[in-house]
Amino acid sequence: MDFSSMSSAEQAHMTRVIERKQMQDFMRMYSSLVERCFNSCCNDFTSKALSSKEEQCVLNCTDKFLKHSERVGARFAEHNAEMMGASAQK
């Protein structure tokens, strides 16, 4: 984003808004990850510790979720670059 036409106060405000939005997005993703992996992996509530099976499931779940998020982000970046290239050619 180009904030060069804004005053320094407006630039600072926009930076805070963007940072807040990024934190909200991160917290939403983290909460989704915790909920999904907990619901998929945690079945035995007779102990406060995870069983080795549950622990492995959580590790696999988080790894899969993070790899998926990384891949989606990469595809989004590629698509965005294509769109920017197409708009620059017009």
PDB file of N, CA and C in Angstrom:
ATOM      1  N   MET A   1       0.837  -1.177   0.000  1.00  0.00           N
ATOM      2  CA  MET A   1       0.000   0.000   0.000  1.00  0.00           C
ATOM      3  C   MET A   1       0.878   1.234   0.000  1.00  0.00           C
ATOM      4  N   ASP A   2       0.390   2.240  -0.683  1.00  0.00           N
ATOM      5  CA  ASP A   2       1.142   3.487  -0.767  1.00  0.00           C
ATOM      6  C   ASP A   2       0.487   4.516   0.142  1.00  0.00           C
ATOM      7  N   PHE A   3       1.166   4.833   1.218  1.00  0.00           N
ATOM      8  CA  PHE A   3       0.661   5.814   2.171  1.00  0.00           C
ATOM      9  C   PHE A   3       1.310   7.185   1.971  1.00  0.00           C
ATOM     10  N   SER A   4       2.050   7.361   0.873  1.00  0.00           N
ATOM     11  CA  SER A   4       2.821   8.588   0.703  1.00  0.00           C
ATOM     12  C   SER A   4       1.954   9.834   0.605  1.00  0.00           C
ATOM     13  N   SER A   5       0.705   9.699   0.185  1.00  0.00           N
ATOM     14  CA  SER A   5      -0.162  10.874   0.068  1.00  0.00           C
ATOM     15  C   SER A   5      -0.828  11.232   1.396  1.00  0.00           C
ATOM     16  N   MET A   6      -0.600  10.438   2.428  1.00  0.00           N
ATOM     17  CA  MET A   6      -1.218  10.678   3.730  1.00  0.00           C
ATOM     18  C   MET A   6      -0.265  11.425   4.649  1.00  0.00           C
ATOM     19  N   SER A   7      -0.852  12.097   5.622  1.00  0.00           N
ATOM     20  CA  SER A   7      -0.035  12.765   6.640  1.00  0.00           C
ATOM     21  C   SER A   7       0.589  11.698   7.529  1.00  0.00           C
ATOM     22  N   SER A   8       1.562  12.099   8.324  1.00  0.00           N
ATOM     23  CA  SER A   8       2.230  11.122   9.198  1.00  0.00           C
ATOM     24  C   SER A   8       1.261  10.561  10.227  1.00  0.00           C
ATOM     25  N   ALA A   9       0.324  11.373  10.704  1.00  0.00           N
ATOM     26  CA  ALA A   9      -0.675  10.882  11.665  1.00  0.00           C
ATOM     27  C   ALA A   9      -1.584   9.845  11.000  1.00  0.00           C
ATOM     28  N   GLU A  10      -1.980  10.121   9.755  1.00  0.00           N
ATOM     29  CA  GLU A  10      -2.820   9.164   9.023  1.00  0.00           C
ATOM     30  C   GLU A  10      -2.053   7.872   8.725  1.00  0.00           C
ATOM     31  N   GLN A  11      -0.779   8.015   8.377  1.00  0.00           N
ATOM     32  CA  GLN A  11       0.055   6.831   8.127  1.00  0.00           C
ATOM     33  C   GLN A  11       0.174   5.978   9.382  1.00  0.00           C
ATOM     34  N   ALA A  12       0.397   6.619  10.528  1.00  0.00           N
ATOM     35  CA  ALA A  12       0.515   5.899  11.798  1.00  0.00           C
ATOM     36  C   ALA A  12      -0.802   5.197  12.129  1.00  0.00           C
ATOM     37  N   HIS A  13      -1.919   5.868  11.890  1.00  0.00           N
ATOM     38  CA  HIS A  13      -3.233   5.273  12.146  1.00  0.00           C
ATOM     39  C   HIS A  13      -3.449   4.056  11.251  1.00  0.00           C
ATOM     40  N   MET A  14      -3.137   4.173   9.976  1.00  0.00           N
ATOM     41  CA  MET A  14      -3.313   3.063   9.040  1.00  0.00           C
ATOM     42  C   MET A  14      -2.405   1.887   9.414  1.00  0.00           C
ATOM     43  N   THR A  15      -1.200   2.187   9.843  1.00  0.00           N
ATOM     44  CA  THR A  15      -0.285   1.131  10.279  1.00  0.00           C
ATOM     45  C   THR A  15      -0.865   0.384  11.469  1.00  0.00           C
ATOM     46  N   ARG A  16      -1.434   1.118  12.436  1.00  0.00           N
ATOM     47  CA  ARG A  16      -2.055   0.475  13.606  1.00  0.00           C
ATOM     48  C   ARG A  16      -3.255  -0.370  13.198  1.00  0.00           C
ATOM     49  N   VAL A  17      -4.063   0.120  12.268  1.00  0.00           N
ATOM     50  CA  VAL A  17      -5.234  -0.627  11.790  1.00  0.00           C
ATOM     51  C   VAL A  17      -4.783  -1.926  11.126  1.00  0.00           C
ATOM     52  N   ILE A  18      -3.762  -1.851  10.288  1.00  0.00           N
ATOM     53  CA  ILE A  18      -3.251  -3.042   9.595  1.00  0.00           C
ATOM     54  C   ILE A  18      -2.671  -4.034  10.596  1.00  0.00           C
ATOM     55  N   GLU A  19      -1.903  -3.543  11.560  1.00  0.00           N
ATOM     56  CA  GLU A  19      -1.316  -4.425  12.579  1.00  0.00           C
ATOM     57  C   GLU A  19      -2.407  -5.111  13.401  1.00  0.00           C
ATOM     58  N   ARG A  20      -3.447  -4.376  13.748  1.00  0.00           N
ATOM     59  CA  ARG A  20      -4.555  -4.945  14.514  1.00  0.00           C
ATOM     60  C   ARG A  20      -5.260  -6.027  13.699  1.00  0.00           C
ATOM     61  N   LYS A  21      -5.484  -5.768  12.422  1.00  0.00           N
ATOM     62  CA  LYS A  21      -6.129  -6.742  11.539  1.00  0.00           C
ATOM     63  C   LYS A  21      -5.264  -7.994  11.403  1.00  0.00           C
ATOM     64  N   GLN A  22      -3.960  -7.823  11.255  1.00  0.00           N
ATOM     65  CA  GLN A  22      -3.064  -8.972  11.156  1.00  0.00           C
ATOM     66  C   GLN A  22      -3.095  -9.800  12.437  1.00  0.00           C
ATOM     67  N   MET A  23      -3.145  -9.157  13.596  1.00  0.00           N
ATOM     68  CA  MET A  23      -3.211  -9.873  14.868  1.00  0.00           C
ATOM     69  C   MET A  23      -4.539 -10.622  14.975  1.00  0.00           C
ATOM     70  N   GLN A  24      -5.627 -10.001  14.564  1.00  0.00           N
ATOM     71  CA  GLN A  24      -6.926 -10.675  14.586  1.00  0.00           C
ATOM     72  C   GLN A  24      -6.916 -11.904  13.670  1.00  0.00           C
ATOM     73  N   ASP A  25      -6.340 -11.762  12.490  1.00  0.00           N
ATOM     74  CA  ASP A  25      -6.251 -12.887  11.556  1.00  0.00           C
ATOM     75  C   ASP A  25      -5.410 -14.013  12.139  1.00  0.00           C
ATOM     76  N   PHE A  26      -4.292 -13.663  12.766  1.00  0.00           N
ATOM     77  CA  PHE A  26      -3.438 -14.667  13.388  1.00  0.00           C
ATOM     78  C   PHE A  26      -4.181 -15.387  14.512  1.00  0.00           C
ATOM     79  N   MET A  27      -4.858 -14.643  15.364  1.00  0.00           N
ATOM     80  CA  MET A  27      -5.586 -15.249  16.481  1.00  0.00           C
ATOM     81  C   MET A  27      -6.728 -16.130  15.976  1.00  0.00           C
ATOM     82  N   ARG A  28      -7.389 -15.713  14.910  1.00  0.00           N
ATOM     83  CA  ARG A  28      -8.458 -16.526  14.326  1.00  0.00           C
ATOM     84  C   ARG A  28      -7.879 -17.841  13.791  1.00  0.00           C
ATOM     85  N   MET A  29      -6.750 -17.772  13.105  1.00  0.00           N
ATOM     86  CA  MET A  29      -6.114 -18.972  12.575  1.00  0.00           C
ATOM     87  C   MET A  29      -5.653 -19.878  13.717  1.00  0.00           C
ATOM     88  N   TYR A  30      -5.051 -19.313  14.743  1.00  0.00           N
ATOM     89  CA  TYR A  30      -4.575 -20.097  15.884  1.00  0.00           C
ATOM     90  C   TYR A  30      -5.749 -20.775  16.589  1.00  0.00           C
ATOM     91  N   SER A  31      -6.823 -20.038  16.815  1.00  0.00           N
ATOM     92  CA  SER A  31      -7.999 -20.611  17.479  1.00  0.00           C
ATOM     93  C   SER A  31      -8.605 -21.734  16.649  1.00  0.00           C
ATOM     94  N   SER A  32      -8.648 -21.551  15.360  1.00  0.00           N
ATOM     95  CA  SER A  32      -9.169 -22.581  14.460  1.00  0.00           C
ATOM     96  C   SER A  32      -8.302 -23.833  14.532  1.00  0.00           C
ATOM     97  N   LEU A  33      -7.002 -23.640  14.541  1.00  0.00           N
ATOM     98  CA  LEU A  33      -6.065 -24.759  14.639  1.00  0.00           C
ATOM     99  C   LEU A  33      -6.265 -25.523  15.947  1.00  0.00           C
ATOM    100  N   VAL A  34      -6.332 -24.819  17.052  1.00  0.00           N
ATOM    101  CA  VAL A  34      -6.510 -25.455  18.362  1.00  0.00           C
ATOM    102  C   VAL A  34      -7.826 -26.223  18.397  1.00  0.00           C
ATOM    103  N   GLU A  35      -8.891 -25.600  17.947  1.00  0.00           N
ATOM    104  CA  GLU A  35     -10.199 -26.257  17.983  1.00  0.00           C
ATOM    105  C   GLU A  35     -10.230 -27.501  17.098  1.00  0.00           C
ATOM    106  N   ARG A  36      -9.728 -27.371  15.885  1.00  0.00           N
ATOM    107  CA  ARG A  36      -9.743 -28.487  14.951  1.00  0.00           C
ATOM    108  C   ARG A  36      -8.916 -29.664  15.482  1.00  0.00           C
ATOM    109  N   CYS A  37      -7.713 -29.395  15.933  1.00  0.00           N
ATOM    110  CA  CYS A  37      -6.846 -30.481  16.397  1.00  0.00           C
ATOM    111  C   CYS A  37      -7.345 -31.078  17.708  1.00  0.00           C
ATOM    112  N   PHE A  38      -7.864 -30.248  18.594  1.00  0.00           N
ATOM    113  CA  PHE A  38      -8.414 -30.771  19.849  1.00  0.00           C
ATOM    114  C   PHE A  38      -9.592 -31.697  19.561  1.00  0.00           C
ATOM    115  N   ASN A  39     -10.518 -31.241  18.721  1.00  0.00           N
ATOM    116  CA  ASN A  39     -11.698 -32.052  18.417  1.00  0.00           C
ATOM    117  C   ASN A  39     -11.336 -33.344  17.693  1.00  0.00           C
ATOM    118  N   SER A  40     -10.301 -33.307  16.879  1.00  0.00           N
ATOM    119  CA  SER A  40      -9.902 -34.498  16.125  1.00  0.00           C
ATOM    120  C   SER A  40      -9.072 -35.473  16.948  1.00  0.00           C
ATOM    121  N   CYS A  41      -8.298 -34.977  17.881  1.00  0.00           N
ATOM    122  CA  CYS A  41      -7.281 -35.815  18.524  1.00  0.00           C
ATOM    123  C   CYS A  41      -7.530 -36.155  19.984  1.00  0.00           C
ATOM    124  N   CYS A  42      -8.201 -35.312  20.704  1.00  0.00           N
ATOM    125  CA  CYS A  42      -8.335 -35.513  22.144  1.00  0.00           C
ATOM    126  C   CYS A  42      -9.647 -36.224  22.464  1.00  0.00           C
ATOM    127  N   ASN A  43      -9.520 -37.488  22.855  1.00  0.00           N
ATOM    128  CA  ASN A  43     -10.704 -38.313  23.088  1.00  0.00           C
ATOM    129  C   ASN A  43     -10.778 -38.866  24.503  1.00  0.00           C
ATOM    130  N   ASP A  44      -9.651 -39.001  25.153  1.00  0.00           N
ATOM    131  CA  ASP A  44      -9.588 -39.653  26.458  1.00  0.00           C
ATOM    132  C   ASP A  44      -9.385 -38.595  27.537  1.00  0.00           C
ATOM    133  N   PHE A  45     -10.398 -38.400  28.363  1.00  0.00           N
ATOM    134  CA  PHE A  45     -10.320 -37.367  29.394  1.00  0.00           C
ATOM    135  C   PHE A  45     -10.128 -37.971  30.789  1.00  0.00           C
ATOM    136  N   THR A  46      -9.624 -39.202  30.821  1.00  0.00           N
ATOM    137  CA  THR A  46      -9.376 -39.837  32.115  1.00  0.00           C
ATOM    138  C   THR A  46      -8.049 -39.387  32.721  1.00  0.00           C
ATOM    139  N   SER A  47      -7.242 -38.713  31.932  1.00  0.00           N
ATOM    140  CA  SER A  47      -5.955 -38.217  32.412  1.00  0.00           C
ATOM    141  C   SER A  47      -5.767 -36.791  31.901  1.00  0.00           C
ATOM    142  N   LYS A  48      -5.054 -35.979  32.681  1.00  0.00           N
ATOM    143  CA  LYS A  48      -4.815 -34.612  32.215  1.00  0.00           C
ATOM    144  C   LYS A  48      -3.698 -34.546  31.185  1.00  0.00           C
ATOM    145  N   ALA A  49      -2.916 -35.599  31.069  1.00  0.00           N
ATOM    146  CA  ALA A  49      -1.833 -35.658  30.081  1.00  0.00           C
ATOM    147  C   ALA A  49      -2.344 -36.299  28.790  1.00  0.00           C
ATOM    148  N   LEU A  50      -1.750 -35.890  27.686  1.00  0.00           N
ATOM    149  CA  LEU A  50      -2.094 -36.519  26.412  1.00  0.00           C
ATOM    150  C   LEU A  50      -1.467 -37.906  26.327  1.00  0.00           C
ATOM    151  N   SER A  51      -2.192 -38.831  25.744  1.00  0.00           N
ATOM    152  CA  SER A  51      -1.594 -40.140  25.473  1.00  0.00           C
ATOM    153  C   SER A  51      -0.615 -39.968  24.309  1.00  0.00           C
ATOM    154  N   SER A  52       0.251 -40.936  24.113  1.00  0.00           N
ATOM    155  CA  SER A  52       1.206 -40.830  23.004  1.00  0.00           C
ATOM    156  C   SER A  52       0.471 -40.778  21.663  1.00  0.00           C
ATOM    157  N   LYS A  53      -0.633 -41.494  21.550  1.00  0.00           N
ATOM    158  CA  LYS A  53      -1.435 -41.481  20.321  1.00  0.00           C
ATOM    159  C   LYS A  53      -2.038 -40.091  20.090  1.00  0.00           C
ATOM    160  N   GLU A  54      -2.578 -39.491  21.150  1.00  0.00           N
ATOM    161  CA  GLU A  54      -3.151 -38.149  21.041  1.00  0.00           C
ATOM    162  C   GLU A  54      -2.068 -37.125  20.712  1.00  0.00           C
ATOM    163  N   GLU A  55      -0.936 -37.249  21.367  1.00  0.00           N
ATOM    164  CA  GLU A  55       0.167 -36.315  21.126  1.00  0.00           C
ATOM    165  C   GLU A  55       0.632 -36.385  19.667  1.00  0.00           C
ATOM    166  N   GLN A  56       0.779 -37.586  19.145  1.00  0.00           N
ATOM    167  CA  GLN A  56       1.189 -37.749  17.750  1.00  0.00           C
ATOM    168  C   GLN A  56       0.124 -37.186  16.807  1.00  0.00           C
ATOM    169  N   CYS A  57      -1.134 -37.412  17.142  1.00  0.00           N
ATOM    170  CA  CYS A  57      -2.227 -36.879  16.334  1.00  0.00           C
ATOM    171  C   CYS A  57      -2.175 -35.349  16.300  1.00  0.00           C
ATOM    172  N   VAL A  58      -1.965 -34.736  17.463  1.00  0.00           N
ATOM    173  CA  VAL A  58      -1.881 -33.265  17.540  1.00  0.00           C
ATOM    174  C   VAL A  58      -0.703 -32.763  16.701  1.00  0.00           C
ATOM    175  N   LEU A  59       0.432 -33.420  16.806  1.00  0.00           N
ATOM    176  CA  LEU A  59       1.603 -33.009  16.015  1.00  0.00           C
ATOM    177  C   LEU A  59       1.314 -33.112  14.518  1.00  0.00           C
ATOM    178  N   ASN A  60       0.705 -34.218  14.098  1.00  0.00           N
ATOM    179  CA  ASN A  60       0.357 -34.386  12.680  1.00  0.00           C
ATOM    180  C   ASN A  60      -0.670 -33.355  12.234  1.00  0.00           C
ATOM    181  N   CYS A  61      -1.656 -33.115  13.088  1.00  0.00           N
ATOM    182  CA  CYS A  61      -2.714 -32.160  12.762  1.00  0.00           C
ATOM    183  C   CYS A  61      -2.146 -30.751  12.585  1.00  0.00           C
ATOM    184  N   THR A  62      -1.324 -30.314  13.532  1.00  0.00           N
ATOM    185  CA  THR A  62      -0.763 -28.967  13.441  1.00  0.00           C
ATOM    186  C   THR A  62       0.167 -28.844  12.238  1.00  0.00           C
ATOM    187  N   ASP A  63       0.956 -29.883  11.990  1.00  0.00           N
ATOM    188  CA  ASP A  63       1.861 -29.860  10.842  1.00  0.00           C
ATOM    189  C   ASP A  63       1.078 -29.739   9.539  1.00  0.00           C
ATOM    190  N   LYS A  64       0.034 -30.524   9.429  1.00  0.00           N
ATOM    191  CA  LYS A  64      -0.798 -30.502   8.222  1.00  0.00           C
ATOM    192  C   LYS A  64      -1.476 -29.142   8.050  1.00  0.00           C
ATOM    193  N   PHE A  65      -2.011 -28.610   9.142  1.00  0.00           N
ATOM    194  CA  PHE A  65      -2.697 -27.318   9.099  1.00  0.00           C
ATOM    195  C   PHE A  65      -1.731 -26.209   8.681  1.00  0.00           C
ATOM    196  N   LEU A  66      -0.533 -26.199   9.269  1.00  0.00           N
ATOM    197  CA  LEU A  66       0.432 -25.151   8.952  1.00  0.00           C
ATOM    198  C   LEU A  66       0.942 -25.274   7.517  1.00  0.00           C
ATOM    199  N   LYS A  67       1.181 -26.495   7.050  1.00  0.00           N
ATOM    200  CA  LYS A  67       1.606 -26.687   5.661  1.00  0.00           C
ATOM    201  C   LYS A  67       0.509 -26.248   4.697  1.00  0.00           C
ATOM    202  N   HIS A  68      -0.732 -26.565   5.046  1.00  0.00           N
ATOM    203  CA  HIS A  68      -1.860 -26.141   4.220  1.00  0.00           C
ATOM    204  C   HIS A  68      -1.934 -24.607   4.166  1.00  0.00           C
ATOM    205  N   SER A  69      -1.830 -23.967   5.317  1.00  0.00           N
ATOM    206  CA  SER A  69      -1.889 -22.497   5.370  1.00  0.00           C
ATOM    207  C   SER A  69      -0.757 -21.873   4.570  1.00  0.00           C
ATOM    208  N   GLU A  70       0.431 -22.469   4.672  1.00  0.00           N
ATOM    209  CA  GLU A  70       1.593 -21.981   3.924  1.00  0.00           C
ATOM    210  C   GLU A  70       1.351 -22.107   2.414  1.00  0.00           C
ATOM    211  N   ARG A  71       0.795 -23.242   2.013  1.00  0.00           N
ATOM    212  CA  ARG A  71       0.536 -23.472   0.588  1.00  0.00           C
ATOM    213  C   ARG A  71      -0.532 -22.509   0.061  1.00  0.00           C
ATOM    214  N   VAL A  72      -1.584 -22.318   0.828  1.00  0.00           N
ATOM    215  CA  VAL A  72      -2.632 -21.375   0.425  1.00  0.00           C
ATOM    216  C   VAL A  72      -2.052 -19.970   0.307  1.00  0.00           C
ATOM    217  N   GLY A  73      -1.215 -19.585   1.268  1.00  0.00           N
ATOM    218  CA  GLY A  73      -0.581 -18.268   1.215  1.00  0.00           C
ATOM    219  C   GLY A  73       0.297 -18.106  -0.011  1.00  0.00           C
ATOM    220  N   ALA A  74       1.039 -19.152  -0.363  1.00  0.00           N
ATOM    221  CA  ALA A  74       1.895 -19.099  -1.553  1.00  0.00           C
ATOM    222  C   ALA A  74       1.055 -18.970  -2.817  1.00  0.00           C
ATOM    223  N   ARG A  75      -0.023 -19.729  -2.892  1.00  0.00           N
ATOM    224  CA  ARG A  75      -0.906 -19.650  -4.072  1.00  0.00           C
ATOM    225  C   ARG A  75      -1.557 -18.278  -4.167  1.00  0.00           C
ATOM    226  N   PHE A  76      -1.951 -17.741  -3.020  1.00  0.00           N
ATOM    227  CA  PHE A  76      -2.539 -16.406  -3.000  1.00  0.00           C
ATOM    228  C   PHE A  76      -1.522 -15.374  -3.491  1.00  0.00           C
ATOM    229  N   ALA A  77      -0.281 -15.487  -3.048  1.00  0.00           N
ATOM    230  CA  ALA A  77       0.771 -14.562  -3.479  1.00  0.00           C
ATOM    231  C   ALA A  77       1.006 -14.677  -4.987  1.00  0.00           C
ATOM    232  N   GLU A  78       1.010 -15.912  -5.505  1.00  0.00           N
ATOM    233  CA  GLU A  78       1.167 -16.108  -6.951  1.00  0.00           C
ATOM    234  C   GLU A  78       0.017 -15.460  -7.715  1.00  0.00           C
ATOM    235  N   HIS A  79      -1.193 -15.698  -7.242  1.00  0.00           N
ATOM    236  CA  HIS A  79      -2.374 -15.123  -7.895  1.00  0.00           C
ATOM    237  C   HIS A  79      -2.327 -13.597  -7.842  1.00  0.00           C
ATOM    238  N   ASN A  80      -1.928 -13.070  -6.699  1.00  0.00           N
ATOM    239  CA  ASN A  80      -1.833 -11.621  -6.547  1.00  0.00           C
ATOM    240  C   ASN A  80      -0.781 -11.047  -7.494  1.00  0.00           C
ATOM    241  N   ALA A  81       0.352 -11.741  -7.639  1.00  0.00           N
ATOM    242  CA  ALA A  81       1.408 -11.281  -8.552  1.00  0.00           C
ATOM    243  C   ALA A  81       0.897 -11.296  -9.994  1.00  0.00           C
ATOM    244  N   GLU A  82       0.146 -12.333 -10.353  1.00  0.00           N
ATOM    245  CA  GLU A  82      -0.431 -12.393 -11.704  1.00  0.00           C
ATOM    246  C   GLU A  82      -1.388 -11.234 -11.933  1.00  0.00           C
ATOM    247  N   MET A  83      -2.212 -10.963 -10.952  1.00  0.00           N
ATOM    248  CA  MET A  83      -3.184  -9.862 -11.071  1.00  0.00           C
ATOM    249  C   MET A  83      -2.476  -8.517 -11.186  1.00  0.00           C
ATOM    250  N   MET A  84      -1.401  -8.347 -10.406  1.00  0.00           N
ATOM    251  CA  MET A  84      -0.649  -7.089 -10.467  1.00  0.00           C
ATOM    252  C   MET A  84       0.031  -6.958 -11.822  1.00  0.00           C
ATOM    253  N   GLY A  85       0.554  -8.062 -12.344  1.00  0.00           N
ATOM    254  CA  GLY A  85       1.188  -8.049 -13.659  1.00  0.00           C
ATOM    255  C   GLY A  85       0.195  -7.748 -14.754  1.00  0.00           C
ATOM    256  N   ALA A  86      -1.004  -8.294 -14.651  1.00  0.00           N
ATOM    257  CA  ALA A  86      -2.038  -8.052 -15.641  1.00  0.00           C
ATOM    258  C   ALA A  86      -2.504  -6.606 -15.615  1.00  0.00           C
ATOM    259  N   SER A  87      -2.629  -6.043 -14.416  1.00  0.00           N
ATOM    260  CA  SER A  87      -3.063  -4.647 -14.314  1.00  0.00           C
ATOM    261  C   SER A  87      -1.987  -3.682 -14.770  1.00  0.00           C
ATOM    262  N   ALA A  88      -0.706  -4.078 -14.625  1.00  0.00           N
ATOM    263  CA  ALA A  88       0.398  -3.220 -15.065  1.00  0.00           C
ATOM    264  C   ALA A  88       0.502  -3.179 -16.585  1.00  0.00           C
ATOM    265  N   GLN A  89       0.041  -4.240 -17.236  1.00  0.00           N
ATOM    266  CA  GLN A  89       0.131  -4.309 -18.687  1.00  0.00           C
ATOM    267  C   GLN A  89      -0.967  -3.517 -19.373  1.00  0.00           C
ATOM    268  N   LYS A  90      -1.997  -3.172 -18.648  1.00  0.00           N
ATOM    269  CA  LYS A  90      -3.128  -2.432 -19.246  1.00  0.00           C
ATOM    270  C   LYS A  90      -2.793  -0.986 -19.502  1.00  0.00           C
TER     271      LYS A  90
END
